[in-house]
PDB file of N, CA and C in Angstrom:
ATOM      1  N   MET A   1       8.118 -46.601  45.278  1.00  0.00           N
ATOM      2  CA  MET A   1       7.473 -45.680  44.024  1.00  0.00           C
ATOM      3  C   MET A   1       7.472 -46.703  42.861  1.00  0.00           C
ATOM      4  N   HIS A   2       6.458 -46.844  42.126  1.00  0.00           N
ATOM      5  CA  HIS A   2       6.257 -47.221  40.903  1.00  0.00           C
ATOM      6  C   HIS A   2       5.325 -46.790  39.911  1.00  0.00           C
ATOM      7  N   ILE A   3       6.141 -46.370  38.553  1.00  0.00           N
ATOM      8  CA  ILE A   3       5.283 -45.808  37.590  1.00  0.00           C
ATOM      9  C   ILE A   3       5.590 -46.530  36.312  1.00  0.00           C
ATOM     10  N   SER A   4       4.450 -46.201  35.452  1.00  0.00           N
ATOM     11  CA  SER A   4       4.540 -47.073  34.220  1.00  0.00           C
ATOM     12  C   SER A   4       4.973 -45.888  33.112  1.00  0.00           C
ATOM     13  N   ILE A   5       5.911 -46.257  32.435  1.00  0.00           N
ATOM     14  CA  ILE A   5       6.293 -45.481  31.644  1.00  0.00           C
ATOM     15  C   ILE A   5       6.559 -46.323  30.077  1.00  0.00           C
ATOM     16  N   THR A   6       6.749 -46.050  28.922  1.00  0.00           N
ATOM     17  CA  THR A   6       6.835 -46.873  27.721  1.00  0.00           C
ATOM     18  C   THR A   6       8.304 -47.483  27.903  1.00  0.00           C
ATOM     19  N   ASP A   7       8.582 -48.534  27.274  1.00  0.00           N
ATOM     20  CA  ASP A   7      10.112 -49.134  27.159  1.00  0.00           C
ATOM     21  C   ASP A   7      11.156 -47.914  26.648  1.00  0.00           C
ATOM     22  N   ASP A   8      10.392 -47.254  25.431  1.00  0.00           N
ATOM     23  CA  ASP A   8      11.412 -46.524  24.706  1.00  0.00           C
ATOM     24  C   ASP A   8      11.762 -45.428  25.549  1.00  0.00           C
ATOM     25  N   LEU A   9      10.787 -44.660  26.418  1.00  0.00           N
ATOM     26  CA  LEU A   9      11.019 -43.584  27.264  1.00  0.00           C
ATOM     27  C   LEU A   9      11.924 -43.972  28.445  1.00  0.00           C
ATOM     28  N   LYS A  10      11.748 -45.431  28.757  1.00  0.00           N
ATOM     29  CA  LYS A  10      12.791 -45.758  29.992  1.00  0.00           C
ATOM     30  C   LYS A  10      14.236 -45.893  29.560  1.00  0.00           C
ATOM     31  N   LYS A  11      14.111 -46.462  28.256  1.00  0.00           N
ATOM     32  CA  LYS A  11      15.691 -46.475  27.554  1.00  0.00           C
ATOM     33  C   LYS A  11      16.464 -45.432  27.058  1.00  0.00           C
ATOM     34  N   ARG A  12      15.358 -44.327  26.641  1.00  0.00           N
ATOM     35  CA  ARG A  12      16.101 -42.885  26.254  1.00  0.00           C
ATOM     36  C   ARG A  12      16.776 -42.357  27.884  1.00  0.00           C
ATOM     37  N   PHE A  13      15.964 -42.576  28.486  1.00  0.00           N
ATOM     38  CA  PHE A  13      15.961 -41.913  30.050  1.00  0.00           C
ATOM     39  C   PHE A  13      17.181 -42.719  30.435  1.00  0.00           C
ATOM     40  N   HIS A  14      17.279 -43.756  30.500  1.00  0.00           N
ATOM     41  CA  HIS A  14      18.508 -44.579  30.782  1.00  0.00           C
ATOM     42  C   HIS A  14      19.807 -44.279  30.273  1.00  0.00           C
ATOM     43  N   ALA A  15      19.770 -44.487  28.861  1.00  0.00           N
ATOM     44  CA  ALA A  15      20.951 -43.753  28.167  1.00  0.00           C
ATOM     45  C   ALA A  15      21.216 -42.347  28.393  1.00  0.00           C
ATOM     46  N   ALA A  16      20.564 -41.386  28.863  1.00  0.00           N
ATOM     47  CA  ALA A  16      21.017 -39.924  28.748  1.00  0.00           C
ATOM     48  C   ALA A  16      21.347 -40.110  30.104  1.00  0.00           C
ATOM     49  N   CYS A  17      21.070 -40.746  31.094  1.00  0.00           N
ATOM     50  CA  CYS A  17      21.656 -40.544  32.787  1.00  0.00           C
ATOM     51  C   CYS A  17      22.885 -41.251  32.576  1.00  0.00           C
ATOM     52  N   ALA A  18      23.262 -42.382  31.990  1.00  0.00           N
ATOM     53  CA  ALA A  18      24.332 -43.319  31.981  1.00  0.00           C
ATOM     54  C   ALA A  18      25.451 -42.320  31.479  1.00  0.00           C
ATOM     55  N   LEU A  19      24.967 -41.608  30.172  1.00  0.00           N
ATOM     56  CA  LEU A  19      26.294 -40.441  29.570  1.00  0.00           C
ATOM     57  C   LEU A  19      26.699 -39.679  30.593  1.00  0.00           C
ATOM     58  N   ARG A  20      25.821 -39.162  31.435  1.00  0.00           N
ATOM     59  CA  ARG A  20      26.172 -38.255  32.358  1.00  0.00           C
ATOM     60  C   ARG A  20      26.400 -38.800  33.835  1.00  0.00           C
ATOM     61  N   GLY A  21      26.559 -39.956  33.753  1.00  0.00           N
ATOM     62  CA  GLY A  21      27.047 -40.709  34.804  1.00  0.00           C
ATOM     63  C   GLY A  21      26.215 -40.947  36.267  1.00  0.00           C
ATOM     64  N   LEU A  22      25.014 -40.723  35.970  1.00  0.00           N
ATOM     65  CA  LEU A  22      24.030 -40.458  36.748  1.00  0.00           C
ATOM     66  C   LEU A  22      23.317 -41.649  36.791  1.00  0.00           C
ATOM     67  N   LYS A  23      22.452 -41.839  38.307  1.00  0.00           N
ATOM     68  CA  LYS A  23      21.517 -42.890  38.199  1.00  0.00           C
ATOM     69  C   LYS A  23      20.181 -42.305  38.025  1.00  0.00           C
ATOM     70  N   MET A  24      19.416 -43.139  37.309  1.00  0.00           N
ATOM     71  CA  MET A  24      18.006 -42.769  37.095  1.00  0.00           C
ATOM     72  C   MET A  24      17.363 -42.213  38.247  1.00  0.00           C
ATOM     73  N   SER A  25      17.600 -43.075  39.422  1.00  0.00           N
ATOM     74  CA  SER A  25      16.863 -42.723  40.776  1.00  0.00           C
ATOM     75  C   SER A  25      17.183 -40.939  41.100  1.00  0.00           C
ATOM     76  N   GLN A  26      18.602 -41.209  41.067  1.00  0.00           N
ATOM     77  CA  GLN A  26      19.155 -39.414  41.398  1.00  0.00           C
ATOM     78  C   GLN A  26      18.409 -38.356  40.770  1.00  0.00           C
ATOM     79  N   VAL A  27      18.381 -38.742  39.308  1.00  0.00           N
ATOM     80  CA  VAL A  27      17.702 -37.774  38.479  1.00  0.00           C
ATOM     81  C   VAL A  27      16.039 -37.747  38.735  1.00  0.00           C
ATOM     82  N   VAL A  28      15.306 -38.807  39.061  1.00  0.00           N
ATOM     83  CA  VAL A  28      13.915 -38.434  39.301  1.00  0.00           C
ATOM     84  C   VAL A  28      13.677 -37.728  40.774  1.00  0.00           C
ATOM     85  N   VAL A  29      14.295 -38.120  41.628  1.00  0.00           N
ATOM     86  CA  VAL A  29      14.450 -37.414  43.045  1.00  0.00           C
ATOM     87  C   VAL A  29      14.787 -35.987  42.513  1.00  0.00           C
ATOM     88  N   GLU A  30      15.723 -35.645  42.009  1.00  0.00           N
ATOM     89  CA  GLU A  30      15.934 -34.120  41.872  1.00  0.00           C
ATOM     90  C   GLU A  30      14.861 -33.763  40.837  1.00  0.00           C
ATOM     91  N   MET A  31      14.234 -34.318  39.859  1.00  0.00           N
ATOM     92  CA  MET A  31      13.074 -33.741  39.535  1.00  0.00           C
ATOM     93  C   MET A  31      11.851 -33.497  40.153  1.00  0.00           C
ATOM     94  N   ILE A  32      11.649 -34.214  41.160  1.00  0.00           N
ATOM     95  CA  ILE A  32      10.484 -34.357  41.825  1.00  0.00           C
ATOM     96  C   ILE A  32      10.882 -32.969  43.073  1.00  0.00           C
ATOM     97  N   GLU A  33      12.023 -32.771  43.239  1.00  0.00           N
ATOM     98  CA  GLU A  33      12.222 -31.724  44.112  1.00  0.00           C
ATOM     99  C   GLU A  33      12.022 -30.666  43.464  1.00  0.00           C
ATOM    100  N   GLN A  34      12.452 -30.481  42.120  1.00  0.00           N
ATOM    101  CA  GLN A  34      12.477 -29.334  41.494  1.00  0.00           C
ATOM    102  C   GLN A  34      10.724 -28.750  41.203  1.00  0.00           C
ATOM    103  N   TRP A  35       9.949 -29.884  41.181  1.00  0.00           N
ATOM    104  CA  TRP A  35       8.464 -29.854  40.662  1.00  0.00           C
ATOM    105  C   TRP A  35       7.943 -29.507  42.019  1.00  0.00           C
ATOM    106  N   LEU A  36       8.285 -29.859  43.046  1.00  0.00           N
ATOM    107  CA  LEU A  36       7.803 -29.652  44.506  1.00  0.00           C
ATOM    108  C   LEU A  36       7.912 -28.120  44.748  1.00  0.00           C
ATOM    109  N   LYS A  37       9.123 -27.297  44.588  1.00  0.00           N
ATOM    110  CA  LYS A  37       9.521 -26.365  44.879  1.00  0.00           C
ATOM    111  C   LYS A  37       8.784 -25.263  43.867  1.00  0.00           C
ATOM    112  N   ALA A  38       8.519 -25.535  42.782  1.00  0.00           N
ATOM    113  CA  ALA A  38       7.829 -24.736  41.733  1.00  0.00           C
ATOM    114  C   ALA A  38       6.158 -24.414  42.135  1.00  0.00           C
ATOM    115  N   ASN A  39       5.953 -25.901  42.568  1.00  0.00           N
ATOM    116  CA  ASN A  39       4.422 -26.170  42.970  1.00  0.00           C
ATOM    117  C   ASN A  39       3.912 -26.210  44.376  1.00  0.00           C
ATOM    118  N   GLU A  40       4.727 -25.808  45.542  1.00  0.00           N
ATOM    119  CA  GLU A  40       4.528 -25.896  46.859  1.00  0.00           C
ATOM    120  C   GLU A  40       3.637 -24.727  47.219  1.00  0.00           C
ATOM    121  N   ALA A  41       4.028 -23.810  46.802  1.00  0.00           N
ATOM    122  CA  ALA A  41       3.015 -22.458  47.101  1.00  0.00           C
ATOM    123  C   ALA A  41       1.923 -22.661  46.476  1.00  0.00           C
ATOM    124  N   GLN A  42       1.596 -22.929  45.398  1.00  0.00           N
ATOM    125  CA  GLN A  42       0.372 -22.920  44.880  1.00  0.00           C
ATOM    126  C   GLN A  42      -0.461 -24.027  45.651  1.00  0.00           C
ATOM    127  N   LEU A  43       0.073 -25.376  45.867  1.00  0.00           N
ATOM    128  CA  LEU A  43      -0.591 -26.565  46.530  1.00  0.00           C
ATOM    129  C   LEU A  43      -0.759 -26.131  48.276  1.00  0.00           C
ATOM    130  N   SER A  44      -0.332 -25.362  48.606  1.00  0.00           N
ATOM    131  CA  SER A  44      -0.530 -24.685  50.001  1.00  0.00           C
ATOM    132  C   SER A  44      -1.775 -23.853  50.036  1.00  0.00           C
ATOM    133  N   ARG A  45      -1.742 -23.046  49.031  1.00  0.00           N
ATOM    134  CA  ARG A  45      -3.239 -22.450  48.998  1.00  0.00           C
ATOM    135  C   ARG A  45      -4.336 -23.177  48.277  1.00  0.00           C
ATOM    136  N   GLU A  46      -4.250 -24.280  47.721  1.00  0.00           N
ATOM    137  CA  GLU A  46      -5.216 -25.287  47.636  1.00  0.00           C
ATOM    138  C   GLU A  46      -5.716 -25.712  48.855  1.00  0.00           C
ATOM    139  N   LEU A  47      -4.639 -26.198  49.546  1.00  0.00           N
ATOM    140  CA  LEU A  47      -5.101 -27.167  50.788  1.00  0.00           C
ATOM    141  C   LEU A  47      -5.780 -26.309  51.719  1.00  0.00           C
ATOM    142  N   LYS A  48      -5.336 -24.913  51.787  1.00  0.00           N
ATOM    143  CA  LYS A  48      -5.941 -23.836  52.901  1.00  0.00           C
ATOM    144  C   LYS A  48      -7.301 -23.586  52.291  1.00  0.00           C
ATOM    145  N   GLY A  49      -7.705 -23.404  51.162  1.00  0.00           N
ATOM    146  CA  GLY A  49      -9.119 -23.320  50.635  1.00  0.00           C
ATOM    147  C   GLY A  49      -9.837 -24.470  51.029  1.00  0.00           C
ATOM    148  N   ARG A  50      -9.561 -25.920  50.969  1.00  0.00           N
ATOM    149  CA  ARG A  50      -9.981 -26.703  50.955  1.00  0.00           C
ATOM    150  C   ARG A  50     -10.637 -26.766  52.684  1.00  0.00           C
ATOM    151  N   GLU A  51      -9.430 -26.498  53.221  1.00  0.00           N
ATOM    152  CA  GLU A  51      -9.671 -26.733  54.967  1.00  0.00           C
ATOM    153  C   GLU A  51     -10.759 -25.524  55.139  1.00  0.00           C
ATOM    154  N   THR A  52     -10.935 -24.276  54.658  1.00  0.00           N
ATOM    155  CA  THR A  52     -11.658 -23.322  54.740  1.00  0.00           C
ATOM    156  C   THR A  52     -13.000 -24.076  54.515  1.00  0.00           C
ATOM    157  N   VAL A  53     -13.419 -24.530  53.396  1.00  0.00           N
ATOM    158  CA  VAL A  53     -14.998 -25.068  52.834  1.00  0.00           C
ATOM    159  C   VAL A  53     -15.279 -26.325  53.595  1.00  0.00           C
ATOM    160  N   VAL A  54     -14.307 -27.008  54.400  1.00  0.00           N
ATOM    161  CA  VAL A  54     -14.881 -28.414  55.116  1.00  0.00           C
ATOM    162  C   VAL A  54     -15.003 -27.578  56.755  1.00  0.00           C
ATOM    163  N   ASN A  55     -14.423 -26.603  57.082  1.00  0.00           N
ATOM    164  CA  ASN A  55     -14.496 -25.998  58.226  1.00  0.00           C
ATOM    165  C   ASN A  55     -15.996 -24.976  58.458  1.00  0.00           C
TER     166      ASN A  55
END
């Protein structure tokens, strides 16, 4: 996965992770998992709605 963020944001994120002894990738994976957990029910409903329209 590749994302585009400003150099300043990357430096701040790197510093915050380093202060906590974490790798940036660990934190990104955790954030993605949290986002999916919070949004999967809604995403599932949206996909079901699209299937109904297509069929």
